[in-house]
């Protein structure tokens, strides 16, 4: 994991079965209203 939770921040999560395909989640946070809303875009690989 890498994690930067702020507007404009990025998050990456990477993992998979041992010896298998690696699944990667790459996100960018666009809007954060504390305790109310989170909007982000992401791609999966």
ModelCIF file with pLDDT and N, C-alpha, C, O atoms, coordinates in Angstrom:
data_MODEL
#
_entry.id   MODEL 
#
_entity.id                         1 
_entity.type                       polymer 
_entity.pdbx_number_of_molecules   1 
#
_entity_poly.entity_id                      1 
_entity_poly.type                           'polypeptide(L)' 
_entity_poly.nstd_linkage                   no 
_entity_poly.nstd_monomer                   no 
_entity_poly.pdbx_seq_one_letter_code       
;(UNK)(UNK)(UNK)(UNK)(UNK)(UNK)(UNK)(UNK)(UNK)(UNK)(UNK)(UNK)(UNK)(UNK)(UNK)(UNK)
(UNK)(UNK)(UNK)(UNK)(UNK)(UNK)(UNK)(UNK)(UNK)(UNK)(UNK)(UNK)(UNK)(UNK)(UNK)(UNK)
(UNK)(UNK)(UNK)(UNK)(UNK)(UNK)(UNK)(UNK)(UNK)(UNK)(UNK)(UNK)(UNK)
;
_entity_poly.pdbx_seq_one_letter_code_can   XXXXXXXXXXXXXXXXXXXXXXXXXXXXXXXXXXXXXXXXXXXXX 
_entity_poly.pdbx_strand_id                 A 
#
loop_
_entity_poly_seq.entity_id 
_entity_poly_seq.num 
_entity_poly_seq.mon_id 
_entity_poly_seq.hetero 
1 1  UNK n 
1 2  UNK n 
1 3  UNK n 
1 4  UNK n 
1 5  UNK n 
1 6  UNK n 
1 7  UNK n 
1 8  UNK n 
1 9  UNK n 
1 10 UNK n 
1 11 UNK n 
1 12 UNK n 
1 13 UNK n 
1 14 UNK n 
1 15 UNK n 
1 16 UNK n 
1 17 UNK n 
1 18 UNK n 
1 19 UNK n 
1 20 UNK n 
1 21 UNK n 
1 22 UNK n 
1 23 UNK n 
1 24 UNK n 
1 25 UNK n 
1 26 UNK n 
1 27 UNK n 
1 28 UNK n 
1 29 UNK n 
1 30 UNK n 
1 31 UNK n 
1 32 UNK n 
1 33 UNK n 
1 34 UNK n 
1 35 UNK n 
1 36 UNK n 
1 37 UNK n 
1 38 UNK n 
1 39 UNK n 
1 40 UNK n 
1 41 UNK n 
1 42 UNK n 
1 43 UNK n 
1 44 UNK n 
1 45 UNK n 
#
_struct_asym.id          A 
_struct_asym.entity_id   1 
#
loop_
_ma_qa_metric.id 
_ma_qa_metric.mode 
_ma_qa_metric.name 
_ma_qa_metric.software_group_id 
_ma_qa_metric.type 
1 global pLDDT . pLDDT 
2 local  pLDDT . pLDDT 
#
_ma_qa_metric_global.metric_id      1 
_ma_qa_metric_global.metric_value   95.89 
_ma_qa_metric_global.model_id       1 
_ma_qa_metric_global.ordinal_id     1 
#
loop_
_ma_qa_metric_local.label_asym_id 
_ma_qa_metric_local.label_comp_id 
_ma_qa_metric_local.label_seq_id 
_ma_qa_metric_local.metric_id 
_ma_qa_metric_local.metric_value 
_ma_qa_metric_local.model_id 
_ma_qa_metric_local.ordinal_id 
A UNK 1  2 89.00 1 1  
A UNK 2  2 94.00 1 2  
A UNK 3  2 94.00 1 3  
A UNK 4  2 97.00 1 4  
A UNK 5  2 98.00 1 5  
A UNK 6  2 98.00 1 6  
A UNK 7  2 98.00 1 7  
A UNK 8  2 98.00 1 8  
A UNK 9  2 98.00 1 9  
A UNK 10 2 98.00 1 10 
A UNK 11 2 97.00 1 11 
A UNK 12 2 96.00 1 12 
A UNK 13 2 93.00 1 13 
A UNK 14 2 94.00 1 14 
A UNK 15 2 91.00 1 15 
A UNK 16 2 92.00 1 16 
A UNK 17 2 91.00 1 17 
A UNK 18 2 91.00 1 18 
A UNK 19 2 90.00 1 19 
A UNK 20 2 93.00 1 20 
A UNK 21 2 94.00 1 21 
A UNK 22 2 94.00 1 22 
A UNK 23 2 93.00 1 23 
A UNK 24 2 95.00 1 24 
A UNK 25 2 95.00 1 25 
A UNK 26 2 97.00 1 26 
A UNK 27 2 98.00 1 27 
A UNK 28 2 98.00 1 28 
A UNK 29 2 98.00 1 29 
A UNK 30 2 98.00 1 30 
A UNK 31 2 98.00 1 31 
A UNK 32 2 98.00 1 32 
A UNK 33 2 98.00 1 33 
A UNK 34 2 98.00 1 34 
A UNK 35 2 98.00 1 35 
A UNK 36 2 98.00 1 36 
A UNK 37 2 98.00 1 37 
A UNK 38 2 98.00 1 38 
A UNK 39 2 98.00 1 39 
A UNK 40 2 98.00 1 40 
A UNK 41 2 98.00 1 41 
A UNK 42 2 98.00 1 42 
A UNK 43 2 97.00 1 43 
A UNK 44 2 96.00 1 44 
A UNK 45 2 96.00 1 45 
#
loop_
_atom_site.group_PDB 
_atom_site.id 
_atom_site.type_symbol 
_atom_site.label_atom_id 
_atom_site.label_alt_id 
_atom_site.label_comp_id 
_atom_site.label_asym_id 
_atom_site.label_entity_id 
_atom_site.label_seq_id 
_atom_site.pdbx_PDB_ins_code 
_atom_site.Cartn_x 
_atom_site.Cartn_y 
_atom_site.Cartn_z 
_atom_site.occupancy 
_atom_site.B_iso_or_equiv 
_atom_site.pdbx_formal_charge 
_atom_site.auth_seq_id 
_atom_site.auth_comp_id 
_atom_site.auth_asym_id 
_atom_site.auth_atom_id 
_atom_site.pdbx_PDB_model_num 
ATOM 1   N N  . UNK A 1 1  ? 0.837   -1.203  0.000   1.00 89.00 ? 1  UNK A N  1 
ATOM 2   C CA . UNK A 1 1  ? 0.000   0.000   0.000   1.00 89.00 ? 1  UNK A CA 1 
ATOM 3   C C  . UNK A 1 1  ? 0.869   1.250   0.000   1.00 89.00 ? 1  UNK A C  1 
ATOM 4   O O  . UNK A 1 1  ? 1.910   1.294   0.656   1.00 89.00 ? 1  UNK A O  1 
ATOM 5   N N  . UNK A 1 2  ? 0.434   2.262   -0.740  1.00 94.00 ? 2  UNK A N  1 
ATOM 6   C CA . UNK A 1 2  ? 0.902   3.631   -0.530  1.00 94.00 ? 2  UNK A CA 1 
ATOM 7   C C  . UNK A 1 2  ? -0.362  4.467   -0.409  1.00 94.00 ? 2  UNK A C  1 
ATOM 8   O O  . UNK A 1 2  ? -1.362  4.175   -1.065  1.00 94.00 ? 2  UNK A O  1 
ATOM 9   N N  . UNK A 1 3  ? -0.329  5.510   0.426   1.00 94.00 ? 3  UNK A N  1 
ATOM 10  C CA . UNK A 1 3  ? -1.574  6.166   0.795   1.00 94.00 ? 3  UNK A CA 1 
ATOM 11  C C  . UNK A 1 3  ? -1.321  7.630   1.115   1.00 94.00 ? 3  UNK A C  1 
ATOM 12  O O  . UNK A 1 3  ? -0.536  7.945   2.009   1.00 94.00 ? 3  UNK A O  1 
ATOM 13  N N  . UNK A 1 4  ? -1.981  8.526   0.390   1.00 97.00 ? 4  UNK A N  1 
ATOM 14  C CA . UNK A 1 4  ? -1.900  9.969   0.614   1.00 97.00 ? 4  UNK A CA 1 
ATOM 15  C C  . UNK A 1 4  ? -3.323  10.517  0.523   1.00 97.00 ? 4  UNK A C  1 
ATOM 16  O O  . UNK A 1 4  ? -3.761  10.970  -0.535  1.00 97.00 ? 4  UNK A O  1 
ATOM 17  N N  . UNK A 1 5  ? -4.034  10.466  1.647   1.00 98.00 ? 5  UNK A N  1 
ATOM 18  C CA . UNK A 1 5  ? -5.459  10.803  1.679   1.00 98.00 ? 5  UNK A CA 1 
ATOM 19  C C  . UNK A 1 5  ? -5.643  12.303  1.833   1.00 98.00 ? 5  UNK A C  1 
ATOM 20  O O  . UNK A 1 5  ? -5.689  12.825  2.947   1.00 98.00 ? 5  UNK A O  1 
ATOM 21  N N  . UNK A 1 6  ? -5.746  12.984  0.714   1.00 98.00 ? 6  UNK A N  1 
ATOM 22  C CA . UNK A 1 6  ? -6.028  14.413  0.628   1.00 98.00 ? 6  UNK A CA 1 
ATOM 23  C C  . UNK A 1 6  ? -6.480  14.686  -0.800  1.00 98.00 ? 6  UNK A C  1 
ATOM 24  O O  . UNK A 1 6  ? -6.221  13.882  -1.696  1.00 98.00 ? 6  UNK A O  1 
ATOM 25  N N  . UNK A 1 7  ? -7.152  15.809  -1.019  1.00 98.00 ? 7  UNK A N  1 
ATOM 26  C CA . UNK A 1 7  ? -7.544  16.160  -2.388  1.00 98.00 ? 7  UNK A CA 1 
ATOM 27  C C  . UNK A 1 7  ? -6.260  16.272  -3.220  1.00 98.00 ? 7  UNK A C  1 
ATOM 28  O O  . UNK A 1 7  ? -5.338  17.003  -2.858  1.00 98.00 ? 7  UNK A O  1 
ATOM 29  N N  . UNK A 1 8  ? -6.216  15.549  -4.321  1.00 98.00 ? 8  UNK A N  1 
ATOM 30  C CA . UNK A 1 8  ? -5.021  15.477  -5.163  1.00 98.00 ? 8  UNK A CA 1 
ATOM 31  C C  . UNK A 1 8  ? -4.074  14.368  -4.764  1.00 98.00 ? 8  UNK A C  1 
ATOM 32  O O  . UNK A 1 8  ? -3.114  14.088  -5.481  1.00 98.00 ? 8  UNK A O  1 
ATOM 33  N N  . UNK A 1 9  ? -4.328  13.728  -3.624  1.00 98.00 ? 9  UNK A N  1 
ATOM 34  C CA . UNK A 1 9  ? -3.478  12.641  -3.155  1.00 98.00 ? 9  UNK A CA 1 
ATOM 35  C C  . UNK A 1 9  ? -3.749  11.354  -3.914  1.00 98.00 ? 9  UNK A C  1 
ATOM 36  O O  . UNK A 1 9  ? -4.761  11.214  -4.602  1.00 98.00 ? 9  UNK A O  1 
ATOM 37  N N  . UNK A 1 10 ? -2.843  10.441  -3.775  1.00 98.00 ? 10 UNK A N  1 
ATOM 38  C CA . UNK A 1 10 ? -2.920  9.165   -4.493  1.00 98.00 ? 10 UNK A CA 1 
ATOM 39  C C  . UNK A 1 10 ? -2.846  7.989   -3.528  1.00 98.00 ? 10 UNK A C  1 
ATOM 40  O O  . UNK A 1 10 ? -2.250  8.065   -2.454  1.00 98.00 ? 10 UNK A O  1 
ATOM 41  N N  . UNK A 1 11 ? -3.473  6.907   -3.954  1.00 97.00 ? 11 UNK A N  1 
ATOM 42  C CA . UNK A 1 11 ? -3.411  5.643   -3.222  1.00 97.00 ? 11 UNK A CA 1 
ATOM 43  C C  . UNK A 1 11 ? -3.124  4.536   -4.213  1.00 97.00 ? 11 UNK A C  1 
ATOM 44  O O  . UNK A 1 11 ? -3.673  4.518   -5.314  1.00 97.00 ? 11 UNK A O  1 
ATOM 45  N N  . UNK A 1 12 ? -2.259  3.608   -3.818  1.00 96.00 ? 12 UNK A N  1 
ATOM 46  C CA . UNK A 1 12 ? -1.981  2.426   -4.619  1.00 96.00 ? 12 UNK A CA 1 
ATOM 47  C C  . UNK A 1 12 ? -2.048  1.214   -3.710  1.00 96.00 ? 12 UNK A C  1 
ATOM 48  O O  . UNK A 1 12 ? -1.528  1.229   -2.595  1.00 96.00 ? 12 UNK A O  1 
ATOM 49  N N  . UNK A 1 13 ? -2.693  0.164   -4.199  1.00 93.00 ? 13 UNK A N  1 
ATOM 50  C CA . UNK A 1 13 ? -2.724  -1.119  -3.514  1.00 93.00 ? 13 UNK A CA 1 
ATOM 51  C C  . UNK A 1 13 ? -2.395  -2.181  -4.555  1.00 93.00 ? 13 UNK A C  1 
ATOM 52  O O  . UNK A 1 13 ? -2.989  -2.221  -5.632  1.00 93.00 ? 13 UNK A O  1 
ATOM 53  N N  . UNK A 1 14 ? -1.440  -3.037  -4.215  1.00 94.00 ? 14 UNK A N  1 
ATOM 54  C CA . UNK A 1 14 ? -0.977  -4.040  -5.175  1.00 94.00 ? 14 UNK A CA 1 
ATOM 55  C C  . UNK A 1 14 ? -0.838  -5.374  -4.461  1.00 94.00 ? 14 UNK A C  1 
ATOM 56  O O  . UNK A 1 14 ? -0.248  -5.455  -3.383  1.00 94.00 ? 14 UNK A O  1 
ATOM 57  N N  . UNK A 1 15 ? -1.386  -6.423  -5.072  1.00 91.00 ? 15 UNK A N  1 
ATOM 58  C CA . UNK A 1 15 ? -1.272  -7.753  -4.498  1.00 91.00 ? 15 UNK A CA 1 
ATOM 59  C C  . UNK A 1 15 ? -1.837  -8.791  -5.444  1.00 91.00 ? 15 UNK A C  1 
ATOM 60  O O  . UNK A 1 15 ? -2.331  -8.463  -6.522  1.00 91.00 ? 15 UNK A O  1 
ATOM 61  N N  . UNK A 1 16 ? -1.762  -10.023 -5.040  1.00 92.00 ? 16 UNK A N  1 
ATOM 62  C CA . UNK A 1 16 ? -2.291  -11.112 -5.854  1.00 92.00 ? 16 UNK A CA 1 
ATOM 63  C C  . UNK A 1 16 ? -1.879  -12.442 -5.262  1.00 92.00 ? 16 UNK A C  1 
ATOM 64  O O  . UNK A 1 16 ? -1.138  -12.498 -4.281  1.00 92.00 ? 16 UNK A O  1 
ATOM 65  N N  . UNK A 1 17 ? -2.365  -13.508 -5.864  1.00 91.00 ? 17 UNK A N  1 
ATOM 66  C CA . UNK A 1 17 ? -2.014  -14.837 -5.351  1.00 91.00 ? 17 UNK A CA 1 
ATOM 67  C C  . UNK A 1 17 ? -0.517  -15.095 -5.534  1.00 91.00 ? 17 UNK A C  1 
ATOM 68  O O  . UNK A 1 17 ? 0.072   -14.635 -6.513  1.00 91.00 ? 17 UNK A O  1 
ATOM 69  N N  . UNK A 1 18 ? 0.104   -15.825 -4.607  1.00 91.00 ? 18 UNK A N  1 
ATOM 70  C CA . UNK A 1 18 ? 1.532   -16.112 -4.741  1.00 91.00 ? 18 UNK A CA 1 
ATOM 71  C C  . UNK A 1 18 ? 1.850   -16.722 -6.108  1.00 91.00 ? 18 UNK A C  1 
ATOM 72  O O  . UNK A 1 18 ? 1.270   -17.738 -6.491  1.00 91.00 ? 18 UNK A O  1 
ATOM 73  N N  . UNK A 1 19 ? 2.770   -16.098 -6.835  1.00 90.00 ? 19 UNK A N  1 
ATOM 74  C CA . UNK A 1 19 ? 3.174   -16.579 -8.151  1.00 90.00 ? 19 UNK A CA 1 
ATOM 75  C C  . UNK A 1 19 ? 2.182   -16.292 -9.260  1.00 90.00 ? 19 UNK A C  1 
ATOM 76  O O  . UNK A 1 19 ? 2.396   -16.704 -10.400 1.00 90.00 ? 19 UNK A O  1 
ATOM 77  N N  . UNK A 1 20 ? 1.078   -15.579 -8.941  1.00 93.00 ? 20 UNK A N  1 
ATOM 78  C CA . UNK A 1 20 ? 0.036   -15.323 -9.936  1.00 93.00 ? 20 UNK A CA 1 
ATOM 79  C C  . UNK A 1 20 ? 0.034   -13.889 -10.433 1.00 93.00 ? 20 UNK A C  1 
ATOM 80  O O  . UNK A 1 20 ? 0.995   -13.140 -10.252 1.00 93.00 ? 20 UNK A O  1 
ATOM 81  N N  . UNK A 1 21 ? -1.062  -13.534 -11.058 1.00 94.00 ? 21 UNK A N  1 
ATOM 82  C CA . UNK A 1 21 ? -1.250  -12.207 -11.631 1.00 94.00 ? 21 UNK A CA 1 
ATOM 83  C C  . UNK A 1 21 ? -1.295  -11.166 -10.515 1.00 94.00 ? 21 UNK A C  1 
ATOM 84  O O  . UNK A 1 21 ? -1.931  -11.383 -9.483  1.00 94.00 ? 21 UNK A O  1 
ATOM 85  N N  . UNK A 1 22 ? -0.623  -10.040 -10.723 1.00 94.00 ? 22 UNK A N  1 
ATOM 86  C CA . UNK A 1 22 ? -0.629  -8.943  -9.755  1.00 94.00 ? 22 UNK A CA 1 
ATOM 87  C C  . UNK A 1 22 ? -1.790  -8.004  -10.085 1.00 94.00 ? 22 UNK A C  1 
ATOM 88  O O  . UNK A 1 22 ? -1.916  -7.530  -11.215 1.00 94.00 ? 22 UNK A O  1 
ATOM 89  N N  . UNK A 1 23 ? -2.638  -7.743  -9.085  1.00 93.00 ? 23 UNK A N  1 
ATOM 90  C CA . UNK A 1 23 ? -3.781  -6.837  -9.203  1.00 93.00 ? 23 UNK A CA 1 
ATOM 91  C C  . UNK A 1 23 ? -3.360  -5.499  -8.607  1.00 93.00 ? 23 UNK A C  1 
ATOM 92  O O  . UNK A 1 23 ? -2.897  -5.450  -7.467  1.00 93.00 ? 23 UNK A O  1 
ATOM 93  N N  . UNK A 1 24 ? -3.516  -4.408  -9.364  1.00 95.00 ? 24 UNK A N  1 
ATOM 94  C CA . UNK A 1 24 ? -3.104  -3.087  -8.894  1.00 95.00 ? 24 UNK A CA 1 
ATOM 95  C C  . UNK A 1 24 ? -4.261  -2.106  -8.991  1.00 95.00 ? 24 UNK A C  1 
ATOM 96  O O  . UNK A 1 24 ? -4.925  -2.003  -10.022 1.00 95.00 ? 24 UNK A O  1 
ATOM 97  N N  . UNK A 1 25 ? -4.490  -1.386  -7.896  1.00 95.00 ? 25 UNK A N  1 
ATOM 98  C CA . UNK A 1 25 ? -5.495  -0.327  -7.767  1.00 95.00 ? 25 UNK A CA 1 
ATOM 99  C C  . UNK A 1 25 ? -4.725  0.977   -7.618  1.00 95.00 ? 25 UNK A C  1 
ATOM 100 O O  . UNK A 1 25 ? -3.938  1.124   -6.683  1.00 95.00 ? 25 UNK A O  1 
ATOM 101 N N  . UNK A 1 26 ? -4.945  1.948   -8.544  1.00 97.00 ? 26 UNK A N  1 
ATOM 102 C CA . UNK A 1 26 ? -4.311  3.267   -8.501  1.00 97.00 ? 26 UNK A CA 1 
ATOM 103 C C  . UNK A 1 26 ? -5.402  4.316   -8.439  1.00 97.00 ? 26 UNK A C  1 
ATOM 104 O O  . UNK A 1 26 ? -6.189  4.446   -9.376  1.00 97.00 ? 26 UNK A O  1 
ATOM 105 N N  . UNK A 1 27 ? -5.461  5.080   -7.333  1.00 98.00 ? 27 UNK A N  1 
ATOM 106 C CA . UNK A 1 27 ? -6.534  6.060   -7.156  1.00 98.00 ? 27 UNK A CA 1 
ATOM 107 C C  . UNK A 1 27 ? -5.978  7.468   -6.998  1.00 98.00 ? 27 UNK A C  1 
ATOM 108 O O  . UNK A 1 27 ? -4.850  7.665   -6.546  1.00 98.00 ? 27 UNK A O  1 
ATOM 109 N N  . UNK A 1 28 ? -6.803  8.445   -7.383  1.00 98.00 ? 28 UNK A N  1 
ATOM 110 C CA . UNK A 1 28 ? -6.553  9.865   -7.135  1.00 98.00 ? 28 UNK A CA 1 
ATOM 111 C C  . UNK A 1 28 ? -7.805  10.415  -6.453  1.00 98.00 ? 28 UNK A C  1 
ATOM 112 O O  . UNK A 1 28 ? -8.919  10.217  -6.938  1.00 98.00 ? 28 UNK A O  1 
ATOM 113 N N  . UNK A 1 29 ? -7.616  11.111  -5.318  1.00 98.00 ? 29 UNK A N  1 
ATOM 114 C CA . UNK A 1 29 ? -8.739  11.700  -4.588  1.00 98.00 ? 29 UNK A CA 1 
ATOM 115 C C  . UNK A 1 29 ? -9.062  13.084  -5.153  1.00 98.00 ? 29 UNK A C  1 
ATOM 116 O O  . UNK A 1 29 ? -8.187  13.942  -5.267  1.00 98.00 ? 29 UNK A O  1 
ATOM 117 N N  . UNK A 1 30 ? -10.334 13.283  -5.504  1.00 98.00 ? 30 UNK A N  1 
ATOM 118 C CA . UNK A 1 30 ? -10.771 14.542  -6.126  1.00 98.00 ? 30 UNK A CA 1 
ATOM 119 C C  . UNK A 1 30 ? -11.567 15.424  -5.177  1.00 98.00 ? 30 UNK A C  1 
ATOM 120 O O  . UNK A 1 30 ? -11.513 16.649  -5.293  1.00 98.00 ? 30 UNK A O  1 
ATOM 121 N N  . UNK A 1 31 ? -12.302 14.839  -4.246  1.00 98.00 ? 31 UNK A N  1 
ATOM 122 C CA . UNK A 1 31 ? -13.136 15.611  -3.331  1.00 98.00 ? 31 UNK A CA 1 
ATOM 123 C C  . UNK A 1 31 ? -13.252 14.843  -2.027  1.00 98.00 ? 31 UNK A C  1 
ATOM 124 O O  . UNK A 1 31 ? -13.552 13.649  -2.018  1.00 98.00 ? 31 UNK A O  1 
ATOM 125 N N  . UNK A 1 32 ? -13.008 15.551  -0.913  1.00 98.00 ? 32 UNK A N  1 
ATOM 126 C CA . UNK A 1 32 ? -13.132 14.941  0.406   1.00 98.00 ? 32 UNK A CA 1 
ATOM 127 C C  . UNK A 1 32 ? -13.845 15.939  1.309   1.00 98.00 ? 32 UNK A C  1 
ATOM 128 O O  . UNK A 1 32 ? -13.371 17.057  1.515   1.00 98.00 ? 32 UNK A O  1 
ATOM 129 N N  . UNK A 1 33 ? -14.983 15.524  1.843   1.00 98.00 ? 33 UNK A N  1 
ATOM 130 C CA . UNK A 1 33 ? -15.695 16.302  2.856   1.00 98.00 ? 33 UNK A CA 1 
ATOM 131 C C  . UNK A 1 33 ? -15.742 15.405  4.090   1.00 98.00 ? 33 UNK A C  1 
ATOM 132 O O  . UNK A 1 33 ? -16.440 14.391  4.106   1.00 98.00 ? 33 UNK A O  1 
ATOM 133 N N  . UNK A 1 34 ? -14.998 15.787  5.112   1.00 98.00 ? 34 UNK A N  1 
ATOM 134 C CA . UNK A 1 34 ? -14.834 14.936  6.284   1.00 98.00 ? 34 UNK A CA 1 
ATOM 135 C C  . UNK A 1 34 ? -16.175 14.449  6.822   1.00 98.00 ? 34 UNK A C  1 
ATOM 136 O O  . UNK A 1 34 ? -17.101 15.230  7.043   1.00 98.00 ? 34 UNK A O  1 
ATOM 137 N N  . UNK A 1 35 ? -16.252 13.134  7.025   1.00 98.00 ? 35 UNK A N  1 
ATOM 138 C CA . UNK A 1 35 ? -17.411 12.440  7.594   1.00 98.00 ? 35 UNK A CA 1 
ATOM 139 C C  . UNK A 1 35 ? -18.653 12.482  6.705   1.00 98.00 ? 35 UNK A C  1 
ATOM 140 O O  . UNK A 1 35 ? -19.732 12.087  7.146   1.00 98.00 ? 35 UNK A O  1 
ATOM 141 N N  . UNK A 1 36 ? -18.522 12.957  5.447   1.00 98.00 ? 36 UNK A N  1 
ATOM 142 C CA . UNK A 1 36 ? -19.684 13.057  4.565   1.00 98.00 ? 36 UNK A CA 1 
ATOM 143 C C  . UNK A 1 36 ? -19.476 12.478  3.167   1.00 98.00 ? 36 UNK A C  1 
ATOM 144 O O  . UNK A 1 36 ? -20.362 11.802  2.643   1.00 98.00 ? 36 UNK A O  1 
ATOM 145 N N  . UNK A 1 37 ? -18.303 12.739  2.548   1.00 98.00 ? 37 UNK A N  1 
ATOM 146 C CA . UNK A 1 37 ? -18.186 12.371  1.129   1.00 98.00 ? 37 UNK A CA 1 
ATOM 147 C C  . UNK A 1 37 ? -16.721 12.191  0.743   1.00 98.00 ? 37 UNK A C  1 
ATOM 148 O O  . UNK A 1 37 ? -15.835 12.895  1.226   1.00 98.00 ? 37 UNK A O  1 
ATOM 149 N N  . UNK A 1 38 ? -16.498 11.214  -0.152  1.00 98.00 ? 38 UNK A N  1 
ATOM 150 C CA . UNK A 1 38 ? -15.196 10.985  -0.766  1.00 98.00 ? 38 UNK A CA 1 
ATOM 151 C C  . UNK A 1 38 ? -15.457 10.680  -2.241  1.00 98.00 ? 38 UNK A C  1 
ATOM 152 O O  . UNK A 1 38 ? -16.272 9.817   -2.567  1.00 98.00 ? 38 UNK A O  1 
ATOM 153 N N  . UNK A 1 39 ? -14.763 11.392  -3.129  1.00 98.00 ? 39 UNK A N  1 
ATOM 154 C CA . UNK A 1 39 ? -14.863 11.103  -4.565  1.00 98.00 ? 39 UNK A CA 1 
ATOM 155 C C  . UNK A 1 39 ? -13.450 10.868  -5.083  1.00 98.00 ? 39 UNK A C  1 
ATOM 156 O O  . UNK A 1 39 ? -12.546 11.669  -4.849  1.00 98.00 ? 39 UNK A O  1 
ATOM 157 N N  . UNK A 1 40 ? -13.278 9.764   -5.786  1.00 98.00 ? 40 UNK A N  1 
ATOM 158 C CA . UNK A 1 40 ? -11.966 9.430   -6.341  1.00 98.00 ? 40 UNK A CA 1 
ATOM 159 C C  . UNK A 1 40 ? -12.140 8.745   -7.682  1.00 98.00 ? 40 UNK A C  1 
ATOM 160 O O  . UNK A 1 40 ? -13.187 8.166   -7.974  1.00 98.00 ? 40 UNK A O  1 
ATOM 161 N N  . UNK A 1 41 ? -11.099 8.821   -8.487  1.00 98.00 ? 41 UNK A N  1 
ATOM 162 C CA . UNK A 1 41 ? -11.055 8.035   -9.718  1.00 98.00 ? 41 UNK A CA 1 
ATOM 163 C C  . UNK A 1 41 ? -9.948  6.999   -9.538  1.00 98.00 ? 41 UNK A C  1 
ATOM 164 O O  . UNK A 1 41 ? -8.996  7.209   -8.788  1.00 98.00 ? 41 UNK A O  1 
ATOM 165 N N  . UNK A 1 42 ? -10.092 5.892   -10.233 1.00 98.00 ? 42 UNK A N  1 
ATOM 166 C CA . UNK A 1 42 ? -9.057  4.868   -10.127 1.00 98.00 ? 42 UNK A CA 1 
ATOM 167 C C  . UNK A 1 42 ? -9.028  3.999   -11.375 1.00 98.00 ? 42 UNK A C  1 
ATOM 168 O O  . UNK A 1 42 ? -10.016 3.853   -12.094 1.00 98.00 ? 42 UNK A O  1 
ATOM 169 N N  . UNK A 1 43 ? -7.845  3.430   -11.599 1.00 97.00 ? 43 UNK A N  1 
ATOM 170 C CA . UNK A 1 43 ? -7.750  2.404   -12.621 1.00 97.00 ? 43 UNK A CA 1 
ATOM 171 C C  . UNK A 1 43 ? -7.244  1.125   -11.978 1.00 97.00 ? 43 UNK A C  1 
ATOM 172 O O  . UNK A 1 43 ? -6.573  1.133   -10.946 1.00 97.00 ? 43 UNK A O  1 
ATOM 173 N N  . UNK A 1 44 ? -7.599  0.024   -12.635 1.00 96.00 ? 44 UNK A N  1 
ATOM 174 C CA . UNK A 1 44 ? -7.199  -1.299  -12.179 1.00 96.00 ? 44 UNK A CA 1 
ATOM 175 C C  . UNK A 1 44 ? -6.343  -1.934  -13.270 1.00 96.00 ? 44 UNK A C  1 
ATOM 176 O O  . UNK A 1 44 ? -6.605  -1.780  -14.463 1.00 96.00 ? 44 UNK A O  1 
ATOM 177 N N  . UNK A 1 45 ? -5.307  -2.658  -12.822 1.00 96.00 ? 45 UNK A N  1 
ATOM 178 C CA . UNK A 1 45 ? -4.421  -3.376  -13.737 1.00 96.00 ? 45 UNK A CA 1 
ATOM 179 C C  . UNK A 1 45 ? -4.328  -4.844  -13.307 1.00 96.00 ? 45 UNK A C  1 
ATOM 180 O O  . UNK A 1 45 ? -3.629  -5.631  -13.946 1.00 96.00 ? 45 UNK A O  1 
#
